[in-house]
Amino acid sequence: SKATVSVLNCLPPRSAMATDVLYSKLGKTYQRNEVDKLDDELHARLNALKAQGKNRSCAECGAAPTSWASVTLGVFVCTKCAQVHRALGAHVSKIKSCMGTYQWFPDELEAMEAKGNDWAEREYGVAPKVALDWAMGGALFTMAQQKYEHGRFKGLARCKPVTPLHRAAPAKKAAAADEWEEDW
């Protein structure tokens, strides 16, 4: 219609449009060309950070590899636990992919470098591991909510390494009768 055409004629040139201004998940603004120039460097730093210590395994369930990060909480998580963080809401956890498909911003990477899973374990404590339940009201969601929103596990440390919860444990071999008797 004529109204649509006249509105389109009033738009500024593409170079001045808001699409050239990008916003990080932490709220800072960047010029697209500035972030594009930094993309390779930021992803290299992100990959190096993911490879360090406790960042290699999920802050929630212990699974490896970590492929997502909460830029607000400073933790690296697996794909399944990223869904739990999404369910917590953006007011608690802002999730971002670490697989190279999303553009990272300098402030987001600086937040992850300042924190990480080791820091988060000291800051939030270690929640008891629970069976994975992907329902919104499930045990893992409740545990994450208690951990990050209510600080329930602050001061609790991990006692021993855990087996990732959503990986099947190796099947036990059936014991021979004489082996069974030796155990008793």
N, C-alpha and C. Protein backbone atom coordinates (compact mmCIF):
# COMPACT_ATOMS: atom_id res chain seq x y z
N SER A 1 0.84 -1.19 0.00
CA SER A 1 0.00 0.00 0.00
C SER A 1 0.88 1.24 0.00
N LYS A 2 0.27 2.40 -0.25
CA LYS A 2 1.01 3.66 -0.29
C LYS A 2 1.63 3.99 1.06
N ALA A 3 0.93 3.65 2.16
CA ALA A 3 1.45 3.93 3.50
C ALA A 3 2.73 3.15 3.76
N THR A 4 2.75 1.89 3.34
CA THR A 4 3.93 1.06 3.54
C THR A 4 5.11 1.60 2.74
N VAL A 5 4.88 1.99 1.51
CA VAL A 5 5.94 2.52 0.66
C VAL A 5 6.50 3.80 1.26
N SER A 6 5.65 4.68 1.75
CA SER A 6 6.15 5.94 2.31
C SER A 6 6.96 5.69 3.58
N VAL A 7 6.56 4.71 4.39
CA VAL A 7 7.34 4.38 5.59
C VAL A 7 8.71 3.85 5.20
N LEU A 8 8.76 2.98 4.20
CA LEU A 8 10.04 2.41 3.76
C LEU A 8 10.96 3.50 3.21
N ASN A 9 10.41 4.50 2.56
CA ASN A 9 11.23 5.59 2.03
C ASN A 9 11.82 6.45 3.13
N CYS A 10 11.25 6.38 4.34
CA CYS A 10 11.73 7.19 5.46
C CYS A 10 12.83 6.51 6.26
N LEU A 11 13.07 5.24 5.99
CA LEU A 11 14.08 4.51 6.76
C LEU A 11 15.48 5.02 6.44
N PRO A 12 16.37 5.04 7.43
CA PRO A 12 17.75 5.47 7.16
C PRO A 12 18.46 4.42 6.31
N PRO A 13 19.58 4.78 5.71
CA PRO A 13 20.33 3.80 4.93
C PRO A 13 20.77 2.64 5.82
N ARG A 14 20.99 1.48 5.23
CA ARG A 14 21.35 0.27 5.98
C ARG A 14 22.50 0.51 6.94
N SER A 15 23.50 1.26 6.55
CA SER A 15 24.67 1.49 7.39
C SER A 15 24.32 2.18 8.70
N ALA A 16 23.18 2.87 8.75
CA ALA A 16 22.80 3.58 9.97
C ALA A 16 21.70 2.84 10.75
N MET A 17 21.27 1.68 10.27
CA MET A 17 20.18 0.96 10.94
C MET A 17 20.66 0.27 12.20
N ALA A 18 19.72 -0.03 13.07
CA ALA A 18 20.01 -0.65 14.37
C ALA A 18 20.66 -2.02 14.23
N THR A 19 20.54 -2.69 13.08
CA THR A 19 21.14 -4.00 12.92
C THR A 19 22.67 -3.94 12.97
N ASP A 20 23.22 -2.75 12.79
CA ASP A 20 24.66 -2.60 12.89
C ASP A 20 25.11 -2.42 14.33
N VAL A 21 24.15 -2.28 15.23
CA VAL A 21 24.44 -2.20 16.65
C VAL A 21 23.98 -3.52 17.26
N LEU A 22 24.87 -4.19 17.94
CA LEU A 22 24.58 -5.49 18.56
C LEU A 22 24.62 -5.35 20.07
N TYR A 23 23.83 -6.17 20.73
CA TYR A 23 23.75 -6.14 22.18
C TYR A 23 24.20 -7.48 22.75
N SER A 24 25.11 -7.43 23.71
CA SER A 24 25.53 -8.66 24.37
C SER A 24 24.45 -9.11 25.33
N LYS A 25 24.53 -10.34 25.80
CA LYS A 25 23.57 -10.85 26.79
C LYS A 25 23.72 -10.13 28.12
N LEU A 26 24.82 -9.42 28.29
CA LEU A 26 25.03 -8.66 29.52
C LEU A 26 24.63 -7.20 29.37
N GLY A 27 24.12 -6.84 28.18
CA GLY A 27 23.55 -5.52 27.98
C GLY A 27 24.45 -4.46 27.35
N LYS A 28 25.67 -4.79 27.05
CA LYS A 28 26.57 -3.81 26.45
C LYS A 28 26.33 -3.75 24.93
N THR A 29 26.50 -2.57 24.35
CA THR A 29 26.31 -2.43 22.90
C THR A 29 27.66 -2.43 22.20
N TYR A 30 27.65 -2.98 21.00
CA TYR A 30 28.86 -3.06 20.16
C TYR A 30 28.47 -2.76 18.73
N GLN A 31 29.42 -2.24 17.99
CA GLN A 31 29.25 -2.09 16.56
C GLN A 31 29.53 -3.43 15.90
N ARG A 32 28.70 -3.81 14.95
CA ARG A 32 28.84 -5.11 14.28
C ARG A 32 30.25 -5.32 13.72
N ASN A 33 30.80 -4.32 13.05
CA ASN A 33 32.12 -4.48 12.44
C ASN A 33 33.20 -4.69 13.50
N GLU A 34 33.03 -4.08 14.66
CA GLU A 34 33.99 -4.25 15.76
C GLU A 34 33.99 -5.71 16.26
N VAL A 35 32.81 -6.26 16.44
CA VAL A 35 32.67 -7.63 16.94
C VAL A 35 33.10 -8.63 15.87
N ASP A 36 32.76 -8.36 14.62
CA ASP A 36 33.15 -9.25 13.53
C ASP A 36 34.68 -9.41 13.46
N LYS A 37 35.39 -8.31 13.68
CA LYS A 37 36.87 -8.35 13.64
C LYS A 37 37.44 -9.20 14.78
N LEU A 38 36.75 -9.23 15.91
CA LEU A 38 37.23 -9.95 17.10
C LEU A 38 36.77 -11.40 17.17
N ASP A 39 35.90 -11.81 16.26
CA ASP A 39 35.25 -13.11 16.36
C ASP A 39 36.22 -14.28 16.51
N ASP A 40 37.23 -14.38 15.64
CA ASP A 40 38.18 -15.51 15.72
C ASP A 40 38.95 -15.50 17.04
N GLU A 41 39.39 -14.33 17.45
CA GLU A 41 40.14 -14.22 18.71
C GLU A 41 39.28 -14.60 19.91
N LEU A 42 38.04 -14.13 19.94
CA LEU A 42 37.16 -14.42 21.07
C LEU A 42 36.82 -15.90 21.14
N HIS A 43 36.58 -16.54 20.00
CA HIS A 43 36.30 -17.98 20.00
C HIS A 43 37.53 -18.79 20.41
N ALA A 44 38.70 -18.35 20.02
CA ALA A 44 39.93 -19.05 20.44
C ALA A 44 40.09 -18.95 21.96
N ARG A 45 39.84 -17.79 22.52
CA ARG A 45 39.92 -17.62 23.98
C ARG A 45 38.85 -18.45 24.68
N LEU A 46 37.65 -18.49 24.11
CA LEU A 46 36.56 -19.28 24.68
C LEU A 46 36.91 -20.76 24.68
N ASN A 47 37.44 -21.27 23.58
CA ASN A 47 37.82 -22.69 23.51
C ASN A 47 38.93 -23.02 24.50
N ALA A 48 39.89 -22.12 24.66
CA ALA A 48 40.96 -22.33 25.64
C ALA A 48 40.39 -22.35 27.05
N LEU A 49 39.43 -21.50 27.33
CA LEU A 49 38.80 -21.44 28.65
C LEU A 49 37.99 -22.71 28.93
N LYS A 50 37.27 -23.20 27.93
CA LYS A 50 36.50 -24.45 28.08
C LYS A 50 37.39 -25.64 28.38
N ALA A 51 38.64 -25.61 27.93
CA ALA A 51 39.56 -26.73 28.11
C ALA A 51 40.25 -26.73 29.47
N GLN A 52 40.03 -25.71 30.27
CA GLN A 52 40.70 -25.59 31.57
C GLN A 52 39.94 -26.32 32.67
N GLY A 53 40.64 -27.12 33.44
CA GLY A 53 40.14 -27.73 34.67
C GLY A 53 38.69 -28.14 34.67
N LYS A 54 37.94 -27.62 35.63
CA LYS A 54 36.54 -28.01 35.83
C LYS A 54 35.62 -27.50 34.73
N ASN A 55 36.08 -26.60 33.89
CA ASN A 55 35.26 -26.11 32.78
C ASN A 55 35.03 -27.19 31.73
N ARG A 56 35.82 -28.26 31.78
CA ARG A 56 35.69 -29.35 30.80
C ARG A 56 34.44 -30.18 31.05
N SER A 57 33.91 -30.16 32.28
CA SER A 57 32.72 -30.95 32.57
C SER A 57 31.61 -30.05 33.09
N CYS A 58 30.40 -30.47 32.87
CA CYS A 58 29.21 -29.69 33.20
C CYS A 58 29.16 -29.35 34.68
N ALA A 59 28.86 -28.09 34.97
CA ALA A 59 28.77 -27.61 36.35
C ALA A 59 27.60 -28.25 37.10
N GLU A 60 26.64 -28.81 36.39
CA GLU A 60 25.48 -29.40 37.04
C GLU A 60 25.57 -30.91 37.18
N CYS A 61 25.87 -31.61 36.08
CA CYS A 61 25.80 -33.07 36.11
C CYS A 61 27.15 -33.76 35.94
N GLY A 62 28.18 -33.02 35.57
CA GLY A 62 29.50 -33.61 35.42
C GLY A 62 29.79 -34.18 34.04
N ALA A 63 28.84 -34.11 33.12
CA ALA A 63 29.05 -34.66 31.77
C ALA A 63 30.06 -33.82 31.00
N ALA A 64 30.74 -34.46 30.09
CA ALA A 64 31.67 -33.78 29.19
C ALA A 64 31.27 -34.13 27.76
N PRO A 65 31.46 -33.25 26.84
CA PRO A 65 32.06 -31.92 26.96
C PRO A 65 31.01 -30.87 27.31
N THR A 66 31.50 -29.71 27.66
CA THR A 66 30.61 -28.57 27.86
C THR A 66 30.47 -27.87 26.52
N SER A 67 29.26 -27.55 26.17
CA SER A 67 29.03 -26.89 24.88
C SER A 67 28.17 -25.64 25.01
N TRP A 68 27.79 -25.30 26.23
CA TRP A 68 27.01 -24.10 26.50
C TRP A 68 27.58 -23.41 27.73
N ALA A 69 27.27 -22.13 27.88
CA ALA A 69 27.73 -21.37 29.04
C ALA A 69 26.62 -20.44 29.51
N SER A 70 26.56 -20.24 30.80
CA SER A 70 25.70 -19.21 31.37
C SER A 70 26.60 -18.00 31.60
N VAL A 71 26.42 -16.97 30.79
CA VAL A 71 27.29 -15.80 30.90
C VAL A 71 27.00 -14.99 32.16
N THR A 72 25.81 -15.13 32.72
CA THR A 72 25.49 -14.42 33.95
C THR A 72 26.01 -15.14 35.18
N LEU A 73 25.98 -16.47 35.18
CA LEU A 73 26.45 -17.24 36.33
C LEU A 73 27.91 -17.64 36.20
N GLY A 74 28.44 -17.60 34.99
CA GLY A 74 29.84 -17.93 34.78
C GLY A 74 30.15 -19.40 34.77
N VAL A 75 29.17 -20.25 34.39
CA VAL A 75 29.40 -21.70 34.39
C VAL A 75 29.28 -22.27 32.98
N PHE A 76 30.02 -23.35 32.76
CA PHE A 76 29.93 -24.12 31.52
C PHE A 76 29.08 -25.34 31.81
N VAL A 77 28.16 -25.66 30.88
CA VAL A 77 27.25 -26.78 31.07
C VAL A 77 27.13 -27.59 29.78
N CYS A 78 26.59 -28.80 29.93
CA CYS A 78 26.34 -29.66 28.76
C CYS A 78 25.04 -29.23 28.08
N THR A 79 24.75 -29.82 26.96
CA THR A 79 23.56 -29.46 26.20
C THR A 79 22.28 -29.70 26.99
N LYS A 80 22.19 -30.83 27.68
CA LYS A 80 20.97 -31.14 28.43
C LYS A 80 20.77 -30.17 29.59
N CYS A 81 21.81 -29.87 30.30
CA CYS A 81 21.69 -28.96 31.44
C CYS A 81 21.49 -27.51 31.00
N ALA A 82 21.88 -27.19 29.76
CA ALA A 82 21.60 -25.85 29.23
C ALA A 82 20.10 -25.62 29.19
N GLN A 83 19.33 -26.67 28.93
CA GLN A 83 17.87 -26.54 28.92
C GLN A 83 17.34 -26.23 30.31
N VAL A 84 17.96 -26.81 31.33
CA VAL A 84 17.57 -26.51 32.71
C VAL A 84 17.84 -25.04 33.01
N HIS A 85 19.00 -24.55 32.56
CA HIS A 85 19.33 -23.15 32.79
C HIS A 85 18.37 -22.22 32.04
N ARG A 86 17.96 -22.61 30.85
CA ARG A 86 16.97 -21.81 30.12
C ARG A 86 15.67 -21.75 30.92
N ALA A 87 15.29 -22.87 31.51
CA ALA A 87 14.04 -22.94 32.28
C ALA A 87 14.11 -22.08 33.54
N LEU A 88 15.32 -21.85 34.06
CA LEU A 88 15.45 -20.99 35.23
C LEU A 88 15.01 -19.56 34.93
N GLY A 89 15.13 -19.17 33.68
CA GLY A 89 14.75 -17.82 33.26
C GLY A 89 15.96 -16.94 33.07
N ALA A 90 15.83 -15.97 32.19
CA ALA A 90 16.94 -15.07 31.87
C ALA A 90 17.30 -14.16 33.04
N HIS A 91 16.42 -14.02 34.00
CA HIS A 91 16.75 -13.21 35.19
C HIS A 91 17.76 -13.93 36.08
N VAL A 92 17.92 -15.26 35.87
CA VAL A 92 18.88 -16.04 36.64
C VAL A 92 20.07 -16.44 35.77
N SER A 93 19.80 -17.02 34.61
CA SER A 93 20.86 -17.58 33.78
C SER A 93 20.62 -17.26 32.31
N LYS A 94 21.60 -16.61 31.69
CA LYS A 94 21.54 -16.31 30.26
C LYS A 94 22.49 -17.25 29.56
N ILE A 95 21.94 -18.19 28.80
CA ILE A 95 22.68 -19.28 28.18
C ILE A 95 23.13 -18.89 26.77
N LYS A 96 24.36 -19.33 26.45
CA LYS A 96 24.90 -19.05 25.12
C LYS A 96 25.71 -20.26 24.65
N SER A 97 25.60 -20.59 23.39
CA SER A 97 26.34 -21.71 22.82
C SER A 97 27.83 -21.42 22.75
N CYS A 98 28.62 -22.45 23.00
CA CYS A 98 30.09 -22.35 22.88
C CYS A 98 30.59 -23.13 21.67
N MET A 99 29.69 -23.52 20.79
CA MET A 99 30.06 -24.39 19.68
C MET A 99 30.47 -23.63 18.42
N GLY A 100 30.59 -22.32 18.51
CA GLY A 100 31.06 -21.54 17.37
C GLY A 100 29.96 -21.01 16.49
N THR A 101 28.70 -21.29 16.82
CA THR A 101 27.61 -20.82 15.98
C THR A 101 27.11 -19.44 16.40
N TYR A 102 27.40 -19.03 17.62
CA TYR A 102 26.97 -17.72 18.11
C TYR A 102 28.17 -16.79 18.21
N GLN A 103 27.91 -15.52 18.00
CA GLN A 103 28.95 -14.52 18.16
C GLN A 103 29.07 -14.18 19.64
N TRP A 104 30.29 -14.21 20.14
CA TRP A 104 30.54 -13.84 21.53
C TRP A 104 31.03 -12.41 21.56
N PHE A 105 30.72 -11.72 22.65
CA PHE A 105 31.10 -10.33 22.83
C PHE A 105 32.19 -10.25 23.90
N PRO A 106 33.03 -9.22 23.83
CA PRO A 106 34.13 -9.10 24.79
C PRO A 106 33.67 -9.14 26.25
N ASP A 107 32.57 -8.47 26.60
CA ASP A 107 32.13 -8.46 28.00
C ASP A 107 31.67 -9.83 28.47
N GLU A 108 31.08 -10.62 27.57
CA GLU A 108 30.64 -11.97 27.93
C GLU A 108 31.84 -12.87 28.21
N LEU A 109 32.84 -12.79 27.34
CA LEU A 109 34.03 -13.60 27.53
C LEU A 109 34.79 -13.18 28.79
N GLU A 110 34.87 -11.90 29.04
CA GLU A 110 35.54 -11.42 30.26
C GLU A 110 34.82 -11.94 31.51
N ALA A 111 33.49 -11.99 31.46
CA ALA A 111 32.72 -12.53 32.60
C ALA A 111 33.03 -14.00 32.81
N MET A 112 33.15 -14.77 31.73
CA MET A 112 33.46 -16.20 31.84
C MET A 112 34.90 -16.39 32.32
N GLU A 113 35.83 -15.55 31.85
CA GLU A 113 37.22 -15.66 32.30
C GLU A 113 37.34 -15.31 33.78
N ALA A 114 36.52 -14.42 34.27
CA ALA A 114 36.56 -14.02 35.68
C ALA A 114 35.94 -15.08 36.59
N LYS A 115 35.12 -15.96 36.02
CA LYS A 115 34.41 -16.95 36.84
C LYS A 115 34.82 -18.36 36.42
N GLY A 116 33.95 -19.12 35.82
CA GLY A 116 34.23 -20.49 35.44
C GLY A 116 33.69 -21.47 36.48
N ASN A 117 33.73 -22.75 36.15
CA ASN A 117 33.13 -23.78 37.01
C ASN A 117 33.83 -23.91 38.36
N ASP A 118 35.14 -23.73 38.40
CA ASP A 118 35.85 -23.82 39.68
C ASP A 118 35.39 -22.69 40.61
N TRP A 119 35.32 -21.47 40.09
CA TRP A 119 34.84 -20.33 40.87
C TRP A 119 33.40 -20.56 41.32
N ALA A 120 32.55 -21.05 40.40
CA ALA A 120 31.13 -21.26 40.72
C ALA A 120 30.96 -22.30 41.82
N GLU A 121 31.80 -23.31 41.81
CA GLU A 121 31.73 -24.33 42.86
C GLU A 121 32.02 -23.71 44.23
N ARG A 122 32.99 -22.81 44.28
CA ARG A 122 33.29 -22.12 45.54
C ARG A 122 32.19 -21.11 45.91
N GLU A 123 31.66 -20.43 44.91
CA GLU A 123 30.65 -19.38 45.15
C GLU A 123 29.27 -19.95 45.50
N TYR A 124 28.82 -20.95 44.74
CA TYR A 124 27.46 -21.46 44.91
C TYR A 124 27.41 -22.79 45.67
N GLY A 125 28.57 -23.41 45.86
CA GLY A 125 28.60 -24.72 46.49
C GLY A 125 28.29 -25.81 45.49
N VAL A 126 28.27 -27.03 45.98
CA VAL A 126 28.01 -28.18 45.11
C VAL A 126 26.71 -28.82 45.57
N ALA A 127 25.74 -28.83 44.68
CA ALA A 127 24.46 -29.44 44.99
C ALA A 127 24.59 -30.96 44.88
N PRO A 128 23.80 -31.68 45.65
CA PRO A 128 23.81 -33.13 45.49
C PRO A 128 23.35 -33.50 44.09
N LYS A 129 23.93 -34.52 43.55
CA LYS A 129 23.55 -34.95 42.20
C LYS A 129 22.21 -35.66 42.28
N VAL A 130 21.35 -35.34 41.33
CA VAL A 130 20.02 -35.92 41.31
C VAL A 130 19.79 -36.59 39.96
N ALA A 131 18.86 -37.52 39.92
CA ALA A 131 18.51 -38.16 38.65
C ALA A 131 17.94 -37.09 37.73
N LEU A 132 18.32 -37.14 36.48
CA LEU A 132 17.86 -36.12 35.55
C LEU A 132 16.38 -36.28 35.26
N ASP A 133 15.68 -35.21 35.40
CA ASP A 133 14.25 -35.16 35.13
C ASP A 133 14.03 -33.88 34.35
N TRP A 134 13.61 -34.02 33.10
CA TRP A 134 13.55 -32.86 32.23
C TRP A 134 12.25 -32.09 32.32
N ALA A 135 11.36 -32.48 33.20
CA ALA A 135 10.13 -31.71 33.39
C ALA A 135 10.48 -30.41 34.11
N MET A 136 9.69 -29.37 33.88
CA MET A 136 9.96 -28.08 34.51
C MET A 136 10.02 -28.20 36.03
N GLY A 137 9.22 -29.04 36.62
CA GLY A 137 9.22 -29.18 38.08
C GLY A 137 10.15 -30.28 38.54
N GLY A 138 11.01 -30.77 37.66
CA GLY A 138 11.86 -31.90 37.97
C GLY A 138 12.95 -31.60 38.98
N ALA A 139 13.56 -32.68 39.44
CA ALA A 139 14.56 -32.58 40.50
C ALA A 139 15.77 -31.73 40.10
N LEU A 140 16.27 -31.87 38.87
CA LEU A 140 17.44 -31.09 38.46
C LEU A 140 17.11 -29.60 38.38
N PHE A 141 15.93 -29.29 37.86
CA PHE A 141 15.50 -27.89 37.81
C PHE A 141 15.42 -27.32 39.23
N THR A 142 14.80 -28.07 40.13
CA THR A 142 14.66 -27.62 41.51
C THR A 142 16.03 -27.43 42.17
N MET A 143 16.94 -28.37 41.92
CA MET A 143 18.29 -28.29 42.47
C MET A 143 19.00 -27.03 41.95
N ALA A 144 18.90 -26.77 40.65
CA ALA A 144 19.56 -25.59 40.07
C ALA A 144 18.93 -24.31 40.61
N GLN A 145 17.64 -24.31 40.77
CA GLN A 145 16.95 -23.15 41.32
C GLN A 145 17.40 -22.90 42.77
N GLN A 146 17.49 -23.95 43.56
CA GLN A 146 17.96 -23.82 44.95
C GLN A 146 19.41 -23.35 44.99
N LYS A 147 20.21 -23.85 44.07
CA LYS A 147 21.64 -23.52 44.03
C LYS A 147 21.88 -22.06 43.65
N TYR A 148 21.26 -21.61 42.56
CA TYR A 148 21.57 -20.29 42.02
C TYR A 148 20.66 -19.18 42.54
N GLU A 149 19.40 -19.47 42.78
CA GLU A 149 18.50 -18.41 43.25
C GLU A 149 18.48 -18.27 44.77
N HIS A 150 18.62 -19.39 45.47
CA HIS A 150 18.46 -19.36 46.92
C HIS A 150 19.74 -19.62 47.71
N GLY A 151 20.84 -19.98 47.01
CA GLY A 151 22.11 -20.19 47.69
C GLY A 151 22.11 -21.33 48.69
N ARG A 152 21.28 -22.31 48.46
CA ARG A 152 21.10 -23.39 49.44
C ARG A 152 22.34 -24.24 49.67
N PHE A 153 23.21 -24.37 48.68
CA PHE A 153 24.35 -25.28 48.79
C PHE A 153 25.67 -24.56 49.03
N LYS A 154 25.61 -23.26 49.27
CA LYS A 154 26.82 -22.47 49.50
C LYS A 154 27.61 -23.08 50.66
N GLY A 155 28.89 -23.26 50.45
CA GLY A 155 29.74 -23.84 51.48
C GLY A 155 29.90 -25.35 51.37
N LEU A 156 29.09 -26.01 50.55
CA LEU A 156 29.23 -27.46 50.36
C LEU A 156 30.25 -27.71 49.26
N ALA A 157 31.16 -28.63 49.51
CA ALA A 157 32.20 -28.96 48.53
C ALA A 157 31.95 -30.35 47.98
N ARG A 158 32.50 -30.59 46.81
CA ARG A 158 32.40 -31.91 46.20
C ARG A 158 33.32 -32.86 46.94
N CYS A 159 32.79 -34.00 47.35
CA CYS A 159 33.58 -34.96 48.11
C CYS A 159 34.39 -35.89 47.22
N LYS A 160 33.81 -36.29 46.11
CA LYS A 160 34.51 -37.19 45.21
C LYS A 160 33.99 -36.95 43.80
N PRO A 161 34.75 -37.36 42.80
CA PRO A 161 34.28 -37.19 41.43
C PRO A 161 32.97 -37.93 41.23
N VAL A 162 32.13 -37.38 40.38
CA VAL A 162 30.84 -38.02 40.12
C VAL A 162 30.79 -38.54 38.70
N THR A 163 29.98 -39.57 38.51
CA THR A 163 29.73 -40.07 37.17
C THR A 163 28.62 -39.22 36.57
N PRO A 164 28.78 -38.74 35.35
CA PRO A 164 27.71 -37.94 34.75
C PRO A 164 26.38 -38.69 34.84
N LEU A 165 25.34 -37.96 35.18
CA LEU A 165 24.06 -38.58 35.45
C LEU A 165 23.33 -39.08 34.21
N HIS A 166 23.54 -38.46 33.08
CA HIS A 166 22.78 -38.90 31.91
C HIS A 166 23.61 -39.75 30.96
N ARG A 167 24.61 -40.39 31.50
CA ARG A 167 25.36 -41.39 30.74
C ARG A 167 25.14 -42.71 31.42
N ALA A 168 24.92 -43.73 30.64
CA ALA A 168 24.65 -45.04 31.22
C ALA A 168 25.91 -45.59 31.89
N ALA A 169 25.74 -46.18 33.04
CA ALA A 169 26.86 -46.81 33.73
C ALA A 169 27.17 -48.12 33.02
N PRO A 170 28.44 -48.56 33.05
CA PRO A 170 28.76 -49.83 32.41
C PRO A 170 27.99 -50.97 33.08
N ALA A 171 27.56 -51.89 32.26
CA ALA A 171 26.80 -53.03 32.77
C ALA A 171 27.72 -53.92 33.60
N LYS A 172 27.19 -54.42 34.72
CA LYS A 172 27.97 -55.33 35.56
C LYS A 172 27.88 -56.74 34.98
N LYS A 173 28.98 -57.46 35.07
CA LYS A 173 28.98 -58.84 34.62
C LYS A 173 28.35 -59.69 35.72
N ALA A 174 27.67 -60.70 35.31
CA ALA A 174 27.08 -61.62 36.29
C ALA A 174 28.22 -62.36 36.98
N ALA A 175 28.19 -62.37 38.28
CA ALA A 175 29.27 -63.04 39.04
C ALA A 175 29.08 -64.54 39.02
N ALA A 176 30.18 -65.22 38.91
CA ALA A 176 30.13 -66.69 39.01
C ALA A 176 29.81 -67.05 40.46
N ALA A 177 29.29 -68.22 40.68
CA ALA A 177 28.87 -68.65 42.02
C ALA A 177 30.01 -68.60 43.01
N ASP A 178 31.23 -69.05 42.58
CA ASP A 178 32.36 -69.05 43.54
C ASP A 178 32.80 -67.62 43.89
N GLU A 179 32.70 -66.65 42.93
CA GLU A 179 33.03 -65.26 43.23
C GLU A 179 32.02 -64.69 44.21
N TRP A 180 30.76 -65.04 44.05
CA TRP A 180 29.71 -64.54 44.93
C TRP A 180 29.97 -65.02 46.36
N GLU A 181 30.35 -66.29 46.50
CA GLU A 181 30.58 -66.84 47.83
C GLU A 181 31.77 -66.18 48.50
N GLU A 182 32.80 -65.79 47.72
CA GLU A 182 33.99 -65.15 48.30
C GLU A 182 33.64 -63.80 48.88
N ASP A 183 32.64 -63.12 48.32
CA ASP A 183 32.23 -61.82 48.85
C ASP A 183 31.54 -61.94 50.21
N TRP A 184 31.02 -63.12 50.53
CA TRP A 184 30.29 -63.29 51.79
C TRP A 184 31.16 -63.98 52.75
